[in-house]
Amino acid sequence: MKNSKDIVFLHLTDLPNCGCVFCLARDKNTGKTKMYLVAEGQDAIYSRESVTEAWMKLEDPQDYLNIKESFVEAVEARNVPCFCE
């Protein structure tokens, strides 16, 4: 299970017309990068699975909360490059 402090957001791409934000994040423990789609209107987060090349909804409540907490911290801190559509 990931801790919210293990995830560092690198880039955000805001899609206000869709109510979604594409995010690139790095896991500090493994060094691997991961792409997330935060669907704000749905309170859902999806992760991009490279093996299946599909978006998978985060079903584990703790994983969802950890990613959401890191995402909110990155947005509030305004220290991550953010691009808008």
C-alpha atoms as a PDB file:
ATOM      1  CA  MET A   1       0.000   0.000   0.000  1.00  0.00           C
ATOM      2  CA  LYS A   2       1.301   3.446  -0.912  1.00  0.00           C
ATOM      3  CA  ASN A   3       1.562   6.321   1.512  1.00  0.00           C
ATOM      4  CA  SER A   4       0.586   9.758   0.191  1.00  0.00           C
ATOM      5  CA  LYS A   5       4.114  10.967   0.954  1.00  0.00           C
ATOM      6  CA  ASP A   6       5.514   8.306  -1.420  1.00  0.00           C
ATOM      7  CA  ILE A   7       3.869   9.933  -4.457  1.00  0.00           C
ATOM      8  CA  VAL A   8       5.336  13.078  -6.020  1.00  0.00           C
ATOM      9  CA  PHE A   9       3.372  14.779  -8.769  1.00  0.00           C
ATOM     10  CA  LEU A  10       5.571  16.022 -11.632  1.00  0.00           C
ATOM     11  CA  HIS A  11       3.090  17.526 -14.138  1.00  0.00           C
ATOM     12  CA  LEU A  12      -0.609  18.303 -14.222  1.00  0.00           C
ATOM     13  CA  THR A  13      -2.720  18.912 -17.308  1.00  0.00           C
ATOM     14  CA  ASP A  14      -6.073  20.440 -16.434  1.00  0.00           C
ATOM     15  CA  LEU A  15      -8.995  19.727 -18.768  1.00  0.00           C
ATOM     16  CA  PRO A  16     -11.657  22.060 -17.339  1.00  0.00           C
ATOM     17  CA  ASN A  17     -14.245  21.256 -20.035  1.00  0.00           C
ATOM     18  CA  CYS A  18     -14.147  17.605 -18.921  1.00  0.00           C
ATOM     19  CA  GLY A  19     -13.668  18.139 -15.191  1.00  0.00           C
ATOM     20  CA  CYS A  20     -10.528  15.996 -15.377  1.00  0.00           C
ATOM     21  CA  VAL A  21      -6.836  16.410 -14.674  1.00  0.00           C
ATOM     22  CA  PHE A  22      -4.147  14.230 -16.240  1.00  0.00           C
ATOM     23  CA  CYS A  23      -1.250  13.772 -13.837  1.00  0.00           C
ATOM     24  CA  LEU A  24       2.232  12.375 -14.073  1.00  0.00           C
ATOM     25  CA  ALA A  25       3.594  11.189 -10.743  1.00  0.00           C
ATOM     26  CA  ARG A  26       6.661   9.389  -9.440  1.00  0.00           C
ATOM     27  CA  ASP A  27       6.765   6.814  -6.665  1.00  0.00           C
ATOM     28  CA  LYS A  28       9.680   7.825  -4.417  1.00  0.00           C
ATOM     29  CA  ASN A  29      10.237   4.232  -3.265  1.00  0.00           C
ATOM     30  CA  THR A  30      10.471   2.587  -6.677  1.00  0.00           C
ATOM     31  CA  GLY A  31      11.406   5.568  -8.852  1.00  0.00           C
ATOM     32  CA  LYS A  32       8.729   4.524 -11.366  1.00  0.00           C
ATOM     33  CA  THR A  33       6.438   7.057 -12.995  1.00  0.00           C
ATOM     34  CA  LYS A  34       2.711   6.576 -13.297  1.00  0.00           C
ATOM     35  CA  MET A  35      -0.026   8.447 -15.102  1.00  0.00           C
ATOM     36  CA  TYR A  36      -3.287   9.239 -13.300  1.00  0.00           C
ATOM     37  CA  LEU A  37      -6.572  10.713 -14.442  1.00  0.00           C
ATOM     38  CA  VAL A  38      -8.415  12.543 -11.670  1.00  0.00           C
ATOM     39  CA  ALA A  39     -12.103  12.792 -12.573  1.00  0.00           C
ATOM     40  CA  GLU A  40     -13.136  15.500 -10.151  1.00  0.00           C
ATOM     41  CA  GLY A  41     -16.879  15.441 -10.821  1.00  0.00           C
ATOM     42  CA  GLN A  42     -17.031  11.699 -10.267  1.00  0.00           C
ATOM     43  CA  ASP A  43     -14.706  11.518  -7.249  1.00  0.00           C
ATOM     44  CA  ALA A  44     -12.783   8.866  -9.168  1.00  0.00           C
ATOM     45  CA  ILE A  45      -9.122   8.364  -9.984  1.00  0.00           C
ATOM     46  CA  TYR A  46      -7.854   6.147 -12.780  1.00  0.00           C
ATOM     47  CA  SER A  47      -4.327   4.886 -13.320  1.00  0.00           C
ATOM     48  CA  ARG A  48      -2.814   4.077 -16.694  1.00  0.00           C
ATOM     49  CA  GLU A  49      -1.647   0.493 -16.838  1.00  0.00           C
ATOM     50  CA  SER A  50       1.229   0.159 -19.285  1.00  0.00           C
ATOM     51  CA  VAL A  51       0.948  -3.603 -19.653  1.00  0.00           C
ATOM     52  CA  THR A  52      -2.728  -3.616 -20.645  1.00  0.00           C
ATOM     53  CA  GLU A  53      -2.638  -0.088 -22.097  1.00  0.00           C
ATOM     54  CA  ALA A  54      -5.894   0.682 -20.289  1.00  0.00           C
ATOM     55  CA  TRP A  55      -7.177   3.081 -17.655  1.00  0.00           C
ATOM     56  CA  MET A  56      -8.078   1.246 -14.445  1.00  0.00           C
ATOM     57  CA  LYS A  57     -10.182   2.831 -11.715  1.00  0.00           C
ATOM     58  CA  LEU A  58      -8.529   2.836  -8.300  1.00  0.00           C
ATOM     59  CA  GLU A  59     -10.814   0.519  -6.363  1.00  0.00           C
ATOM     60  CA  ASP A  60      -8.838   0.297  -3.117  1.00  0.00           C
ATOM     61  CA  PRO A  61     -10.160   3.085  -0.841  1.00  0.00           C
ATOM     62  CA  GLN A  62      -6.765   3.613   0.800  1.00  0.00           C
ATOM     63  CA  ASP A  63      -4.945   3.913  -2.536  1.00  0.00           C
ATOM     64  CA  TYR A  64      -7.607   6.387  -3.690  1.00  0.00           C
ATOM     65  CA  LEU A  65      -7.217   8.493  -0.526  1.00  0.00           C
ATOM     66  CA  ASN A  66      -3.418   8.474  -0.738  1.00  0.00           C
ATOM     67  CA  ILE A  67      -3.358   9.591  -4.376  1.00  0.00           C
ATOM     68  CA  LYS A  68      -6.138  12.147  -3.791  1.00  0.00           C
ATOM     69  CA  GLU A  69      -4.304  13.596  -0.762  1.00  0.00           C
ATOM     70  CA  SER A  70      -1.062  13.932  -2.733  1.00  0.00           C
ATOM     71  CA  PHE A  71      -2.948  15.481  -5.647  1.00  0.00           C
ATOM     72  CA  VAL A  72      -4.700  18.054  -3.424  1.00  0.00           C
ATOM     73  CA  GLU A  73      -1.399  18.936  -1.718  1.00  0.00           C
ATOM     74  CA  ALA A  74       0.298  19.450  -5.108  1.00  0.00           C
ATOM     75  CA  VAL A  75      -2.532  21.676  -6.363  1.00  0.00           C
ATOM     76  CA  GLU A  76      -2.644  23.747  -3.167  1.00  0.00           C
ATOM     77  CA  ALA A  77       1.150  24.147  -2.996  1.00  0.00           C
ATOM     78  CA  ARG A  78       1.251  25.316  -6.622  1.00  0.00           C
ATOM     79  CA  ASN A  79       4.752  23.876  -6.956  1.00  0.00           C
ATOM     80  CA  VAL A  80       3.966  21.477  -9.821  1.00  0.00           C
ATOM     81  CA  PRO A  81       3.845  22.653 -13.433  1.00  0.00           C
ATOM     82  CA  CYS A  82       0.206  22.813 -14.496  1.00  0.00           C
ATOM     83  CA  PHE A  83      -0.951  23.139 -18.068  1.00  0.00           C
ATOM     84  CA  CYS A  84      -4.489  24.054 -19.072  1.00  0.00           C
ATOM     85  CA  GLU A  85      -6.422  23.084 -22.171  1.00  0.00           C
END
